[in-house]
Amino acid sequence: MSGVLLRRKGYAYGVFFLFLMMLVSCANDVIAKFIGQRIDPIEVIFFRFFFSLITLLPFVWTRGAAILKTAYPYINIWRGVLGAASFYLYTYALVKIQIVEVVAILWTIPLFVLVLSIFFLNEKVSPPRWMATVVGFCGLSFITLHDNGCSFSVKIIYLIPIASAFLFAIQDVMIKKMVSRDDAITMLLYFALITSAITIFPAFIVWKTPTLGELLLLFLYGLFANLMQFLIFLAFEATDLSALAPFRYVEFLLSAATAFVFFGEVPGMNVLVGALVLIPSTLYLAYNENKKARKHTAKKSSPHKTQPV
């Protein structure tokens, strides 16, 4: 009985931390869109990476020089390059189109990860997972369609968040490889260092000095970037990924609500229909991935069976 209660407590904690992570994510999107209307997105993401680095320094200080040791120096570099590019595209898209549209398009990341895993991780993909991927991309096509007869020049803007999602997916594949040998703080530290170094020069080219209020928001933007990682780690430690997956629907609702409150954005029917198709397919992939991981863990931890006498 106590085990059941403890399991429920863990599940509740997992949902709680996931919900906090989604709130922080929505807050970061609002900050990026608000400041990006006056300051160039490249400068916005420079501050994101820079303040993310600053807020990591206390953890680095307590861990010492050992935290700098990485088994994947070149992958860290490429992840930083792709990270700078993906966050620039993502922030630019937030400024130019509705927040909820960008959030919905980023639900394609697991679909891209599945395809990339075939080539880079030599994973085998079952027919149901392929079907979920195809359905998910059909949902994406709904989101990128307009129901008001917009010209092609307007529709092309959706290639920007799609490209961002693809680059994020490549980074997820890299993380899958790195996480087995590198510490989480090590990965965050190198990512913040490399992305800050990459974006500092372009940021100065388009530089606009932030006001004191904007600087405070940018500091929160960088702090929240690390906090999101921390909260998602806590959520996944508390309970299984498959148990949390259905609650990711809430992120779409929170994004729609915050976008309406702060910017008066109302999602079109194309976004709602596309999300209803896309989100279930990615939830299925998340459930399938977690099920496969649990089977692998059980196989490794189970004792060798002795032959009956």
Protein backbone atom coordinates (compact mmCIF):
# COMPACT_ATOMS: atom_id res chain seq x y z
CA MET A 1 0.00 0.00 0.00
CA SER A 2 2.82 2.40 0.92
CA GLY A 3 4.54 1.60 -2.37
CA VAL A 4 1.41 2.63 -4.28
CA LEU A 5 1.20 5.87 -2.31
CA LEU A 6 4.86 6.64 -2.97
CA ARG A 7 4.35 5.94 -6.66
CA ARG A 8 1.40 8.33 -6.76
CA LYS A 9 3.44 10.93 -4.95
CA GLY A 10 6.20 10.55 -7.54
CA TYR A 11 3.71 10.82 -10.35
CA ALA A 12 2.22 13.97 -8.86
CA TYR A 13 5.68 15.48 -8.48
CA GLY A 14 6.49 14.60 -12.09
CA VAL A 15 3.36 16.35 -13.37
CA PHE A 16 4.06 19.33 -11.10
CA PHE A 17 7.63 19.79 -12.37
CA LEU A 18 6.53 19.32 -15.96
CA PHE A 19 3.82 21.96 -15.52
CA LEU A 20 6.38 24.38 -14.05
CA MET A 21 8.69 23.71 -16.99
CA MET A 22 5.92 24.51 -19.45
CA LEU A 23 5.11 27.75 -17.60
CA VAL A 24 8.77 28.77 -17.74
CA SER A 25 8.90 27.86 -21.45
CA CYS A 26 5.85 30.05 -22.17
CA ALA A 27 7.41 32.90 -20.18
CA ASN A 28 10.59 32.63 -22.24
CA ASP A 29 8.61 32.74 -25.49
CA VAL A 30 6.81 35.88 -24.33
CA ILE A 31 10.11 37.52 -23.34
CA ALA A 32 11.73 36.66 -26.69
CA LYS A 33 8.77 37.94 -28.71
CA PHE A 34 8.40 41.12 -26.64
CA ILE A 35 12.08 42.13 -26.71
CA GLY A 36 12.54 40.87 -30.29
CA GLN A 37 10.15 43.54 -31.53
CA ARG A 38 12.78 46.20 -30.74
CA ILE A 39 16.07 44.30 -30.53
CA ASP A 40 17.36 42.02 -33.29
CA PRO A 41 16.82 38.29 -32.54
CA ILE A 42 20.57 37.60 -32.80
CA GLU A 43 21.19 40.01 -29.92
CA VAL A 44 18.32 38.48 -27.96
CA ILE A 45 19.75 34.97 -28.20
CA PHE A 46 23.27 36.23 -27.39
CA PHE A 47 21.95 37.46 -24.06
CA ARG A 48 20.10 34.16 -23.60
CA PHE A 49 23.34 32.20 -23.99
CA PHE A 50 25.46 34.71 -22.06
CA PHE A 51 23.18 34.88 -19.02
CA SER A 52 22.68 31.13 -19.21
CA LEU A 53 26.46 30.81 -18.90
CA ILE A 54 26.60 33.28 -16.00
CA THR A 55 23.93 31.40 -14.04
CA LEU A 56 25.83 28.14 -14.56
CA LEU A 57 29.08 29.43 -13.03
CA PRO A 58 28.12 28.71 -9.37
CA PHE A 59 27.52 25.05 -10.28
CA VAL A 60 30.82 24.92 -12.18
CA TRP A 61 32.63 26.47 -9.20
CA THR A 62 31.32 23.84 -6.79
CA ARG A 63 32.17 20.96 -9.15
CA GLY A 64 35.71 22.13 -9.95
CA ALA A 65 37.85 21.59 -13.05
CA ALA A 66 36.55 18.02 -13.47
CA ILE A 67 33.36 19.44 -14.95
CA LEU A 68 35.33 20.57 -18.01
CA LYS A 69 36.17 16.99 -18.99
CA THR A 70 34.17 15.83 -22.01
CA ALA A 71 34.29 12.68 -24.07
CA TYR A 72 32.88 14.48 -27.12
CA PRO A 73 34.74 17.76 -27.76
CA TYR A 74 33.89 17.93 -31.47
CA ILE A 75 30.23 17.04 -30.95
CA ASN A 76 30.02 19.81 -28.33
CA ILE A 77 31.34 22.29 -30.89
CA TRP A 78 28.90 21.22 -33.59
CA ARG A 79 26.04 21.21 -31.10
CA GLY A 80 26.93 24.79 -30.19
CA VAL A 81 26.98 25.85 -33.85
CA LEU A 82 23.64 24.20 -34.55
CA GLY A 83 22.25 25.55 -31.28
CA ALA A 84 23.08 29.14 -32.21
CA ALA A 85 21.46 28.70 -35.62
CA SER A 86 18.35 26.91 -34.32
CA PHE A 87 17.65 29.42 -31.55
CA TYR A 88 18.11 32.33 -33.96
CA LEU A 89 15.57 30.82 -36.36
CA TYR A 90 13.23 29.99 -33.48
CA THR A 91 13.40 33.51 -32.01
CA TYR A 92 12.98 35.11 -35.44
CA ALA A 93 9.88 32.96 -36.01
CA LEU A 94 8.44 33.95 -32.62
CA VAL A 95 8.74 37.62 -33.58
CA LYS A 96 7.23 37.21 -37.06
CA ILE A 97 4.37 34.74 -36.54
CA GLN A 98 2.07 33.59 -33.75
CA ILE A 99 3.67 31.95 -30.70
CA VAL A 100 1.23 29.03 -30.77
CA GLU A 101 2.10 28.33 -34.43
CA VAL A 102 5.81 28.13 -33.60
CA VAL A 103 5.15 25.92 -30.57
CA ALA A 104 2.96 23.59 -32.64
CA ILE A 105 5.58 23.31 -35.39
CA LEU A 106 8.24 22.43 -32.81
CA TRP A 107 6.18 19.34 -31.99
CA THR A 108 7.75 17.90 -35.16
CA ILE A 109 11.12 17.53 -33.37
CA PRO A 110 10.42 13.89 -32.30
CA LEU A 111 9.45 13.12 -35.90
CA PHE A 112 12.74 14.48 -37.22
CA VAL A 113 14.62 12.68 -34.42
CA LEU A 114 13.11 9.37 -35.48
CA VAL A 115 14.24 9.83 -39.09
CA LEU A 116 17.72 11.05 -38.08
CA SER A 117 18.17 8.17 -35.61
CA ILE A 118 17.99 5.72 -38.50
CA PHE A 119 21.05 7.26 -40.14
CA PHE A 120 23.12 8.36 -37.13
CA LEU A 121 22.19 5.86 -34.40
CA ASN A 122 21.37 2.85 -36.64
CA GLU A 123 17.99 2.43 -34.98
CA LYS A 124 15.33 0.16 -36.45
CA VAL A 125 11.92 1.74 -36.87
CA SER A 126 8.74 -0.34 -36.64
CA PRO A 127 5.82 0.18 -39.07
CA PRO A 128 3.59 1.78 -36.37
CA ARG A 129 6.28 4.36 -35.61
CA TRP A 130 6.62 5.11 -39.33
CA MET A 131 2.84 5.53 -39.52
CA ALA A 132 2.88 7.94 -36.56
CA THR A 133 5.64 9.92 -38.25
CA VAL A 134 3.72 10.22 -41.52
CA VAL A 135 0.57 11.29 -39.67
CA GLY A 136 2.59 13.84 -37.72
CA PHE A 137 3.98 15.44 -40.86
CA CYS A 138 0.44 15.57 -42.26
CA GLY A 139 -0.48 17.58 -39.17
CA LEU A 140 2.43 19.90 -39.91
CA SER A 141 1.08 20.50 -43.40
CA PHE A 142 -2.25 21.64 -41.90
CA ILE A 143 -0.47 24.16 -39.66
CA THR A 144 1.42 25.71 -42.55
CA LEU A 145 -1.76 26.24 -44.57
CA HIS A 146 -3.71 29.48 -44.25
CA ASP A 147 -7.49 29.65 -44.46
CA ASN A 148 -7.54 33.25 -45.67
CA GLY A 149 -5.91 32.92 -49.07
CA CYS A 150 -2.54 34.41 -48.17
CA SER A 151 0.11 34.74 -50.85
CA PHE A 152 3.04 32.33 -51.14
CA SER A 153 5.41 34.96 -49.79
CA VAL A 154 3.57 34.80 -46.46
CA LYS A 155 3.48 31.00 -46.30
CA ILE A 156 7.24 30.69 -46.84
CA ILE A 157 7.84 32.09 -43.34
CA TYR A 158 6.85 28.69 -41.91
CA LEU A 159 10.03 27.19 -43.33
CA ILE A 160 11.93 29.10 -40.63
CA PRO A 161 10.43 27.32 -37.56
CA ILE A 162 10.47 24.02 -39.51
CA ALA A 163 14.22 24.48 -40.13
CA SER A 164 14.61 25.33 -36.45
CA ALA A 165 12.80 22.12 -35.45
CA PHE A 166 15.06 20.10 -37.77
CA LEU A 167 18.21 21.62 -36.21
CA PHE A 168 16.84 20.99 -32.70
CA ALA A 169 16.27 17.37 -33.71
CA ILE A 170 19.89 16.99 -34.82
CA GLN A 171 20.96 18.29 -31.41
CA ASP A 172 18.66 15.78 -29.68
CA VAL A 173 20.38 12.97 -31.57
CA MET A 174 23.75 14.37 -30.45
CA ILE A 175 22.57 14.54 -26.84
CA LYS A 176 21.40 10.91 -27.02
CA LYS A 177 24.97 9.97 -27.87
CA MET A 178 26.66 12.33 -25.37
CA VAL A 179 24.47 11.73 -22.31
CA SER A 180 25.92 8.25 -21.71
CA ARG A 181 29.40 9.66 -20.92
CA ASP A 182 29.12 13.42 -20.31
CA ASP A 183 27.64 15.12 -17.24
CA ALA A 184 24.52 17.27 -17.77
CA ILE A 185 26.25 20.38 -16.36
CA THR A 186 29.21 19.75 -18.67
CA MET A 187 26.92 19.68 -21.71
CA LEU A 188 25.08 22.82 -20.61
CA LEU A 189 28.37 24.62 -19.90
CA TYR A 190 29.96 23.90 -23.27
CA PHE A 191 26.72 24.73 -25.05
CA ALA A 192 26.50 28.12 -23.31
CA LEU A 193 30.19 28.86 -23.93
CA ILE A 194 30.17 28.00 -27.62
CA THR A 195 26.86 29.66 -28.46
CA SER A 196 27.90 32.84 -26.62
CA ALA A 197 31.16 32.94 -28.56
CA ILE A 198 29.39 32.39 -31.89
CA THR A 199 26.69 35.04 -31.38
CA ILE A 200 28.69 37.83 -29.71
CA PHE A 201 30.12 39.32 -32.93
CA PRO A 202 26.86 39.31 -34.96
CA ALA A 203 25.08 40.75 -31.91
CA PHE A 204 27.44 43.74 -31.82
CA ILE A 205 26.86 44.38 -35.54
CA VAL A 206 23.14 44.99 -34.94
CA TRP A 207 23.58 46.21 -31.34
CA LYS A 208 20.87 48.18 -29.59
CA THR A 209 21.57 48.89 -25.94
CA PRO A 210 18.83 47.27 -23.83
CA THR A 211 17.00 49.36 -21.29
CA LEU A 212 17.31 48.38 -17.63
CA GLY A 213 13.92 46.65 -17.82
CA GLU A 214 14.89 44.77 -20.97
CA LEU A 215 18.20 43.73 -19.40
CA LEU A 216 16.35 42.28 -16.43
CA LEU A 217 14.04 40.36 -18.77
CA LEU A 218 17.03 39.09 -20.75
CA PHE A 219 18.67 37.90 -17.53
CA LEU A 220 15.50 35.99 -16.69
CA TYR A 221 15.51 34.66 -20.26
CA GLY A 222 18.94 33.10 -19.74
CA LEU A 223 18.14 31.92 -16.22
CA PHE A 224 14.88 30.32 -17.37
CA ALA A 225 16.75 28.49 -20.16
CA ASN A 226 18.71 26.57 -17.52
CA LEU A 227 15.69 26.27 -15.23
CA MET A 228 13.73 24.53 -17.99
CA GLN A 229 16.44 21.88 -18.26
CA PHE A 230 16.53 21.45 -14.47
CA LEU A 231 12.76 21.08 -14.18
CA ILE A 232 12.51 18.55 -16.99
CA PHE A 233 15.25 16.48 -15.33
CA LEU A 234 13.26 16.55 -12.06
CA ALA A 235 10.06 15.58 -13.86
CA PHE A 236 11.65 12.60 -15.60
CA GLU A 237 13.31 11.48 -12.36
CA ALA A 238 9.96 11.55 -10.56
CA THR A 239 8.04 9.38 -13.01
CA ASP A 240 8.11 7.77 -16.46
CA LEU A 241 8.16 9.74 -19.68
CA SER A 242 5.08 7.91 -20.94
CA ALA A 243 3.15 8.95 -17.83
CA LEU A 244 3.98 12.61 -18.43
CA ALA A 245 3.49 12.63 -22.19
CA PRO A 246 -0.30 13.28 -22.18
CA PHE A 247 0.24 16.46 -20.16
CA ARG A 248 2.33 17.98 -22.95
CA TYR A 249 -1.00 18.99 -24.49
CA VAL A 250 -1.12 21.64 -21.77
CA GLU A 251 1.88 23.39 -23.33
CA PHE A 252 -0.15 24.13 -26.45
CA LEU A 253 -3.01 25.54 -24.35
CA LEU A 254 -0.67 27.61 -22.19
CA SER A 255 1.06 29.02 -25.27
CA ALA A 256 -2.29 29.96 -26.81
CA ALA A 257 -3.44 31.60 -23.57
CA THR A 258 -0.25 33.61 -22.97
CA ALA A 259 -0.06 34.68 -26.62
CA PHE A 260 -3.65 35.94 -26.43
CA VAL A 261 -3.12 37.78 -23.12
CA PHE A 262 0.16 39.49 -24.05
CA PHE A 263 -0.14 39.93 -27.83
CA GLY A 264 -3.82 39.42 -28.68
CA GLU A 265 -3.01 36.42 -30.89
CA VAL A 266 -5.85 34.07 -31.79
CA PRO A 267 -4.84 30.77 -33.46
CA GLY A 268 -6.53 29.97 -36.76
CA MET A 269 -8.46 26.81 -37.53
CA ASN A 270 -5.45 25.51 -39.48
CA VAL A 271 -3.33 25.55 -36.31
CA LEU A 272 -6.00 23.83 -34.20
CA VAL A 273 -6.60 21.07 -36.76
CA GLY A 274 -2.87 20.58 -37.36
CA ALA A 275 -2.17 20.36 -33.62
CA LEU A 276 -4.95 17.79 -33.13
CA VAL A 277 -3.24 15.62 -35.77
CA LEU A 278 0.38 16.33 -34.89
CA ILE A 279 0.38 16.15 -31.09
CA PRO A 280 -1.12 12.61 -30.72
CA SER A 281 1.45 11.22 -33.17
CA THR A 282 4.34 12.69 -31.16
CA LEU A 283 2.80 11.41 -27.91
CA TYR A 284 2.69 7.93 -29.40
CA LEU A 285 6.35 8.18 -30.36
CA ALA A 286 7.24 9.34 -26.83
CA TYR A 287 5.29 6.42 -25.33
CA ASN A 288 6.93 3.97 -27.72
CA GLU A 289 10.41 5.34 -27.00
CA ASN A 290 9.91 5.04 -23.24
CA LYS A 291 8.52 1.51 -23.58
CA LYS A 292 11.56 0.48 -25.60
CA ALA A 293 13.93 2.06 -23.05
CA ARG A 294 12.21 0.26 -20.14
CA LYS A 295 12.48 -3.09 -21.92
CA HIS A 296 16.17 -2.46 -22.54
CA THR A 297 16.74 -1.55 -18.87
CA ALA A 298 14.81 -4.61 -17.65
CA LYS A 299 16.82 -6.87 -19.92
CA LYS A 300 20.12 -5.48 -18.61
CA SER A 301 19.10 -5.64 -14.92
CA SER A 302 17.41 -9.08 -14.93
CA PRO A 303 19.51 -11.94 -13.44
CA HIS A 304 20.51 -14.92 -15.55
CA LYS A 305 17.95 -17.68 -15.28
CA THR A 306 19.30 -21.02 -14.08
CA GLN A 307 18.35 -24.18 -15.87
CA PRO A 308 15.91 -26.44 -13.97
CA VAL A 309 17.47 -29.53 -12.46
